[in-house]
């Protein structure tokens, strides 16, 4: 898996890649759902957050390798 991690690191170190990652963070990790959010909305939101965290994790591993 190391090769794909390096590719993630290269792609997201560009200005465009950083802008895309920042946008993904804003619409997932930084998004706050109100107290009336349904169970379904909470699950969908958490799945999206996990996906962005996975991307960030691959970037971090790619920078180390």
PDB file of N, CA and C in Angstrom:
ATOM      1  N   UNK A   1       0.832  -1.205   0.000  1.00  0.00           N
ATOM      2  CA  UNK A   1       0.000   0.000   0.000  1.00  0.00           C
ATOM      3  C   UNK A   1       0.864   1.250   0.000  1.00  0.00           C
ATOM      4  N   UNK A   2       2.117   1.133   0.258  1.00  0.00           N
ATOM      5  CA  UNK A   2       3.003   2.285   0.393  1.00  0.00           C
ATOM      6  C   UNK A   2       3.015   3.180  -0.857  1.00  0.00           C
ATOM      7  N   UNK A   3       2.940   2.589  -2.031  1.00  0.00           N
ATOM      8  CA  UNK A   3       2.988   3.392  -3.257  1.00  0.00           C
ATOM      9  C   UNK A   3       1.778   4.322  -3.370  1.00  0.00           C
ATOM     10  N   UNK A   4       0.601   3.830  -3.045  1.00  0.00           N
ATOM     11  CA  UNK A   4      -0.587   4.688  -3.123  1.00  0.00           C
ATOM     12  C   UNK A   4      -0.524   5.803  -2.086  1.00  0.00           C
ATOM     13  N   UNK A   5       0.047   5.517  -0.938  1.00  0.00           N
ATOM     14  CA  UNK A   5       0.194   6.553   0.082  1.00  0.00           C
ATOM     15  C   UNK A   5       1.107   7.669  -0.411  1.00  0.00           C
ATOM     16  N   UNK A   6       2.168   7.313  -1.104  1.00  0.00           N
ATOM     17  CA  UNK A   6       3.068   8.328  -1.680  1.00  0.00           C
ATOM     18  C   UNK A   6       2.330   9.168  -2.716  1.00  0.00           C
ATOM     19  N   UNK A   7       1.482   8.529  -3.488  1.00  0.00           N
ATOM     20  CA  UNK A   7       0.698   9.262  -4.498  1.00  0.00           C
ATOM     21  C   UNK A   7      -0.266  10.247  -3.836  1.00  0.00           C
ATOM     22  N   UNK A   8      -0.912   9.808  -2.746  1.00  0.00           N
ATOM     23  CA  UNK A   8      -1.790  10.715  -2.001  1.00  0.00           C
ATOM     24  C   UNK A   8      -0.992  11.924  -1.516  1.00  0.00           C
ATOM     25  N   UNK A   9       0.183  11.674  -0.957  1.00  0.00           N
ATOM     26  CA  UNK A   9       1.014  12.764  -0.435  1.00  0.00           C
ATOM     27  C   UNK A   9       1.387  13.738  -1.556  1.00  0.00           C
ATOM     28  N   UNK A  10       1.758  13.215  -2.709  1.00  0.00           N
ATOM     29  CA  UNK A  10       2.138  14.088  -3.839  1.00  0.00           C
ATOM     30  C   UNK A  10       0.954  14.901  -4.338  1.00  0.00           C
ATOM     31  N   UNK A  11      -0.182  14.251  -4.507  1.00  0.00           N
ATOM     32  CA  UNK A  11      -1.366  14.943  -5.043  1.00  0.00           C
ATOM     33  C   UNK A  11      -1.826  16.061  -4.116  1.00  0.00           C
ATOM     34  N   UNK A  12      -1.855  15.785  -2.815  1.00  0.00           N
ATOM     35  CA  UNK A  12      -2.408  16.761  -1.879  1.00  0.00           C
ATOM     36  C   UNK A  12      -1.382  17.777  -1.375  1.00  0.00           C
ATOM     37  N   UNK A  13      -0.143  17.706  -1.868  1.00  0.00           N
ATOM     38  CA  UNK A  13       0.816  18.744  -1.489  1.00  0.00           C
ATOM     39  C   UNK A  13       0.801  19.906  -2.476  1.00  0.00           C
ATOM     40  N   UNK A  14       0.105  19.755  -3.587  1.00  0.00           N
ATOM     41  CA  UNK A  14      -0.012  20.845  -4.551  1.00  0.00           C
ATOM     42  C   UNK A  14      -0.989  21.888  -4.013  1.00  0.00           C
ATOM     43  N   UNK A  15      -0.924  23.105  -4.509  1.00  0.00           N
ATOM     44  CA  UNK A  15      -1.900  24.110  -4.062  1.00  0.00           C
ATOM     45  C   UNK A  15      -3.346  23.672  -4.308  1.00  0.00           C
ATOM     46  N   UNK A  16      -3.609  23.095  -5.467  1.00  0.00           N
ATOM     47  CA  UNK A  16      -4.971  22.632  -5.745  1.00  0.00           C
ATOM     48  C   UNK A  16      -5.364  21.501  -4.805  1.00  0.00           C
ATOM     49  N   UNK A  17      -4.456  20.582  -4.562  1.00  0.00           N
ATOM     50  CA  UNK A  17      -4.731  19.471  -3.664  1.00  0.00           C
ATOM     51  C   UNK A  17      -5.017  19.941  -2.245  1.00  0.00           C
ATOM     52  N   UNK A  18      -4.238  20.910  -1.772  1.00  0.00           N
ATOM     53  CA  UNK A  18      -4.474  21.460  -0.430  1.00  0.00           C
ATOM     54  C   UNK A  18      -5.839  22.145  -0.362  1.00  0.00           C
ATOM     55  N   UNK A  19      -6.204  22.853  -1.439  1.00  0.00           N
ATOM     56  CA  UNK A  19      -7.507  23.537  -1.466  1.00  0.00           C
ATOM     57  C   UNK A  19      -8.646  22.519  -1.445  1.00  0.00           C
ATOM     58  N   UNK A  20      -8.505  21.435  -2.184  1.00  0.00           N
ATOM     59  CA  UNK A  20      -9.533  20.394  -2.197  1.00  0.00           C
ATOM     60  C   UNK A  20      -9.656  19.754  -0.824  1.00  0.00           C
ATOM     61  N   UNK A  21      -8.533  19.432  -0.202  1.00  0.00           N
ATOM     62  CA  UNK A  21      -8.566  18.819   1.120  1.00  0.00           C
ATOM     63  C   UNK A  21      -9.193  19.762   2.150  1.00  0.00           C
ATOM     64  N   UNK A  22      -8.866  21.026   2.068  1.00  0.00           N
ATOM     65  CA  UNK A  22      -9.466  22.007   2.978  1.00  0.00           C
ATOM     66  C   UNK A  22     -10.984  22.064   2.785  1.00  0.00           C
ATOM     67  N   UNK A  23     -11.425  22.029   1.540  1.00  0.00           N
ATOM     68  CA  UNK A  23     -12.866  22.029   1.261  1.00  0.00           C
ATOM     69  C   UNK A  23     -13.525  20.770   1.833  1.00  0.00           C
ATOM     70  N   UNK A  24     -12.892  19.615   1.635  1.00  0.00           N
ATOM     71  CA  UNK A  24     -13.436  18.376   2.183  1.00  0.00           C
ATOM     72  C   UNK A  24     -13.540  18.441   3.706  1.00  0.00           C
ATOM     73  N   UNK A  25     -12.534  19.015   4.361  1.00  0.00           N
ATOM     74  CA  UNK A  25     -12.571  19.168   5.823  1.00  0.00           C
ATOM     75  C   UNK A  25     -13.742  20.063   6.243  1.00  0.00           C
ATOM     76  N   UNK A  26     -13.940  21.163   5.517  1.00  0.00           N
ATOM     77  CA  UNK A  26     -15.016  22.101   5.876  1.00  0.00           C
ATOM     78  C   UNK A  26     -16.397  21.471   5.753  1.00  0.00           C
ATOM     79  N   UNK A  27     -16.593  20.628   4.737  1.00  0.00           N
ATOM     80  CA  UNK A  27     -17.935  20.066   4.532  1.00  0.00           C
ATOM     81  C   UNK A  27     -18.139  18.748   5.278  1.00  0.00           C
ATOM     82  N   UNK A  28     -17.099  18.261   5.945  1.00  0.00           N
ATOM     83  CA  UNK A  28     -17.249  17.001   6.684  1.00  0.00           C
ATOM     84  C   UNK A  28     -16.843  17.173   8.143  1.00  0.00           C
ATOM     85  N   UNK A  29     -15.561  17.243   8.405  1.00  0.00           N
ATOM     86  CA  UNK A  29     -15.033  17.250   9.770  1.00  0.00           C
ATOM     87  C   UNK A  29     -15.483  18.488  10.538  1.00  0.00           C
ATOM     88  N   UNK A  30     -15.473  19.637   9.894  1.00  0.00           N
ATOM     89  CA  UNK A  30     -15.823  20.881  10.585  1.00  0.00           C
ATOM     90  C   UNK A  30     -17.330  21.162  10.592  1.00  0.00           C
ATOM     91  N   UNK A  31     -18.096  20.350   9.900  1.00  0.00           N
ATOM     92  CA  UNK A  31     -19.541  20.550   9.838  1.00  0.00           C
ATOM     93  C   UNK A  31     -20.174  20.129  11.161  1.00  0.00           C
ATOM     94  N   UNK A  32     -21.057  20.954  11.650  1.00  0.00           N
ATOM     95  CA  UNK A  32     -21.752  20.671  12.905  1.00  0.00           C
ATOM     96  C   UNK A  32     -23.227  20.465  12.599  1.00  0.00           C
ATOM     97  N   UNK A  33     -23.729  19.340  13.059  1.00  0.00           N
ATOM     98  CA  UNK A  33     -25.166  19.077  12.898  1.00  0.00           C
ATOM     99  C   UNK A  33     -25.897  19.550  14.142  1.00  0.00           C
ATOM    100  N   UNK A  34     -27.072  20.046  13.962  1.00  0.00           N
ATOM    101  CA  UNK A  34     -27.858  20.546  15.081  1.00  0.00           C
ATOM    102  C   UNK A  34     -28.461  19.426  15.910  1.00  0.00           C
ATOM    103  N   UNK A  35     -29.108  19.805  17.003  1.00  0.00           N
ATOM    104  CA  UNK A  35     -29.691  18.809  17.908  1.00  0.00           C
ATOM    105  C   UNK A  35     -30.851  18.026  17.287  1.00  0.00           C
ATOM    106  N   UNK A  36     -31.390  18.512  16.197  1.00  0.00           N
ATOM    107  CA  UNK A  36     -32.507  17.836  15.545  1.00  0.00           C
ATOM    108  C   UNK A  36     -32.059  16.877  14.442  1.00  0.00           C
ATOM    109  N   UNK A  37     -30.759  16.659  14.329  1.00  0.00           N
ATOM    110  CA  UNK A  37     -30.248  15.757  13.297  1.00  0.00           C
ATOM    111  C   UNK A  37     -30.763  14.345  13.547  1.00  0.00           C
ATOM    112  N   UNK A  38     -31.120  13.693  12.476  1.00  0.00           N
ATOM    113  CA  UNK A  38     -31.623  12.324  12.595  1.00  0.00           C
ATOM    114  C   UNK A  38     -30.452  11.349  12.737  1.00  0.00           C
ATOM    115  N   UNK A  39     -30.787  10.159  13.155  1.00  0.00           N
ATOM    116  CA  UNK A  39     -29.789   9.099  13.260  1.00  0.00           C
ATOM    117  C   UNK A  39     -29.122   8.867  11.904  1.00  0.00           C
ATOM    118  N   UNK A  40     -29.910   8.883  10.884  1.00  0.00           N
ATOM    119  CA  UNK A  40     -29.406   8.689   9.522  1.00  0.00           C
ATOM    120  C   UNK A  40     -28.421   9.797   9.128  1.00  0.00           C
ATOM    121  N   UNK A  41     -28.751  11.033   9.441  1.00  0.00           N
ATOM    122  CA  UNK A  41     -27.857  12.158   9.140  1.00  0.00           C
ATOM    123  C   UNK A  41     -26.551  12.046   9.915  1.00  0.00           C
ATOM    124  N   UNK A  42     -26.638  11.658  11.179  1.00  0.00           N
ATOM    125  CA  UNK A  42     -25.440  11.508  11.995  1.00  0.00           C
ATOM    126  C   UNK A  42     -24.532  10.416  11.444  1.00  0.00           C
ATOM    127  N   UNK A  43     -25.111   9.302  11.039  1.00  0.00           N
ATOM    128  CA  UNK A  43     -24.325   8.201  10.483  1.00  0.00           C
ATOM    129  C   UNK A  43     -23.662   8.613   9.170  1.00  0.00           C
ATOM    130  N   UNK A  44     -24.405   9.294   8.314  1.00  0.00           N
ATOM    131  CA  UNK A  44     -23.870   9.754   7.035  1.00  0.00           C
ATOM    132  C   UNK A  44     -22.716  10.736   7.273  1.00  0.00           C
ATOM    133  N   UNK A  45     -22.905  11.645   8.195  1.00  0.00           N
ATOM    134  CA  UNK A  45     -21.883  12.636   8.504  1.00  0.00           C
ATOM    135  C   UNK A  45     -20.623  11.963   9.042  1.00  0.00           C
ATOM    136  N   UNK A  46     -20.777  11.020   9.940  1.00  0.00           N
ATOM    137  CA  UNK A  46     -19.616  10.332  10.511  1.00  0.00           C
ATOM    138  C   UNK A  46     -18.885   9.497   9.466  1.00  0.00           C
ATOM    139  N   UNK A  47     -19.613   8.896   8.561  1.00  0.00           N
ATOM    140  CA  UNK A  47     -18.971   8.130   7.478  1.00  0.00           C
ATOM    141  C   UNK A  47     -18.132   9.057   6.597  1.00  0.00           C
ATOM    142  N   UNK A  48     -18.657  10.230   6.302  1.00  0.00           N
ATOM    143  CA  UNK A  48     -17.898  11.191   5.498  1.00  0.00           C
ATOM    144  C   UNK A  48     -16.656  11.676   6.238  1.00  0.00           C
ATOM    145  N   UNK A  49     -16.790  11.920   7.520  1.00  0.00           N
ATOM    146  CA  UNK A  49     -15.640  12.342   8.325  1.00  0.00           C
ATOM    147  C   UNK A  49     -14.567  11.258   8.342  1.00  0.00           C
ATOM    148  N   UNK A  50     -14.985  10.023   8.489  1.00  0.00           N
ATOM    149  CA  UNK A  50     -14.033   8.912   8.505  1.00  0.00           C
ATOM    150  C   UNK A  50     -13.292   8.815   7.172  1.00  0.00           C
ATOM    151  N   UNK A  51     -13.996   9.063   6.088  1.00  0.00           N
ATOM    152  CA  UNK A  51     -13.372   9.018   4.767  1.00  0.00           C
ATOM    153  C   UNK A  51     -12.293  10.093   4.629  1.00  0.00           C
ATOM    154  N   UNK A  52     -12.582  11.303   5.062  1.00  0.00           N
ATOM    155  CA  UNK A  52     -11.600  12.394   4.981  1.00  0.00           C
ATOM    156  C   UNK A  52     -10.427  12.108   5.915  1.00  0.00           C
ATOM    157  N   UNK A  53     -10.700  11.575   7.097  1.00  0.00           N
ATOM    158  CA  UNK A  53      -9.602  11.208   8.001  1.00  0.00           C
ATOM    159  C   UNK A  53      -8.723  10.128   7.390  1.00  0.00           C
ATOM    160  N   UNK A  54      -9.317   9.206   6.643  1.00  0.00           N
ATOM    161  CA  UNK A  54      -8.544   8.167   5.957  1.00  0.00           C
ATOM    162  C   UNK A  54      -7.622   8.799   4.911  1.00  0.00           C
ATOM    163  N   UNK A  55      -8.122   9.758   4.168  1.00  0.00           N
ATOM    164  CA  UNK A  55      -7.294  10.466   3.189  1.00  0.00           C
ATOM    165  C   UNK A  55      -6.132  11.153   3.895  1.00  0.00           C
ATOM    166  N   UNK A  56      -6.423  11.850   4.984  1.00  0.00           N
ATOM    167  CA  UNK A  56      -5.364  12.535   5.728  1.00  0.00           C
ATOM    168  C   UNK A  56      -4.327  11.559   6.289  1.00  0.00           C
ATOM    169  N   UNK A  57      -4.793  10.422   6.715  1.00  0.00           N
ATOM    170  CA  UNK A  57      -3.885   9.402   7.238  1.00  0.00           C
ATOM    171  C   UNK A  57      -2.974   8.866   6.141  1.00  0.00           C
ATOM    172  N   UNK A  58      -3.529   8.651   4.968  1.00  0.00           N
ATOM    173  CA  UNK A  58      -2.712   8.167   3.847  1.00  0.00           C
ATOM    174  C   UNK A  58      -1.684   9.221   3.430  1.00  0.00           C
ATOM    175  N   UNK A  59      -2.078  10.477   3.461  1.00  0.00           N
ATOM    176  CA  UNK A  59      -1.149  11.555   3.145  1.00  0.00           C
ATOM    177  C   UNK A  59       0.009  11.548   4.146  1.00  0.00           C
ATOM    178  N   UNK A  60      -0.315  11.455   5.414  1.00  0.00           N
ATOM    179  CA  UNK A  60       0.724  11.459   6.467  1.00  0.00           C
ATOM    180  C   UNK A  60       1.678  10.284   6.299  1.00  0.00           C
ATOM    181  N   UNK A  61       1.144   9.096   6.043  1.00  0.00           N
ATOM    182  CA  UNK A  61       1.997   7.927   5.847  1.00  0.00           C
ATOM    183  C   UNK A  61       2.840   8.058   4.590  1.00  0.00           C
ATOM    184  N   UNK A  62       2.270   8.666   3.550  1.00  0.00           N
ATOM    185  CA  UNK A  62       3.014   8.864   2.306  1.00  0.00           C
ATOM    186  C   UNK A  62       4.169   9.837   2.464  1.00  0.00           C
ATOM    187  N   UNK A  63       4.009  10.821   3.318  1.00  0.00           N
ATOM    188  CA  UNK A  63       5.088  11.777   3.573  1.00  0.00           C
ATOM    189  C   UNK A  63       6.230  11.130   4.341  1.00  0.00           C
ATOM    190  N   UNK A  64       5.912  10.170   5.203  1.00  0.00           N
ATOM    191  CA  UNK A  64       6.939   9.481   5.985  1.00  0.00           C
ATOM    192  C   UNK A  64       7.703   8.469   5.138  1.00  0.00           C
ATOM    193  N   UNK A  65       6.984   7.825   4.218  1.00  0.00           N
ATOM    194  CA  UNK A  65       7.590   6.727   3.445  1.00  0.00           C
ATOM    195  C   UNK A  65       8.324   7.226   2.276  1.00  0.00           C
TER     196      UNK A  65
END
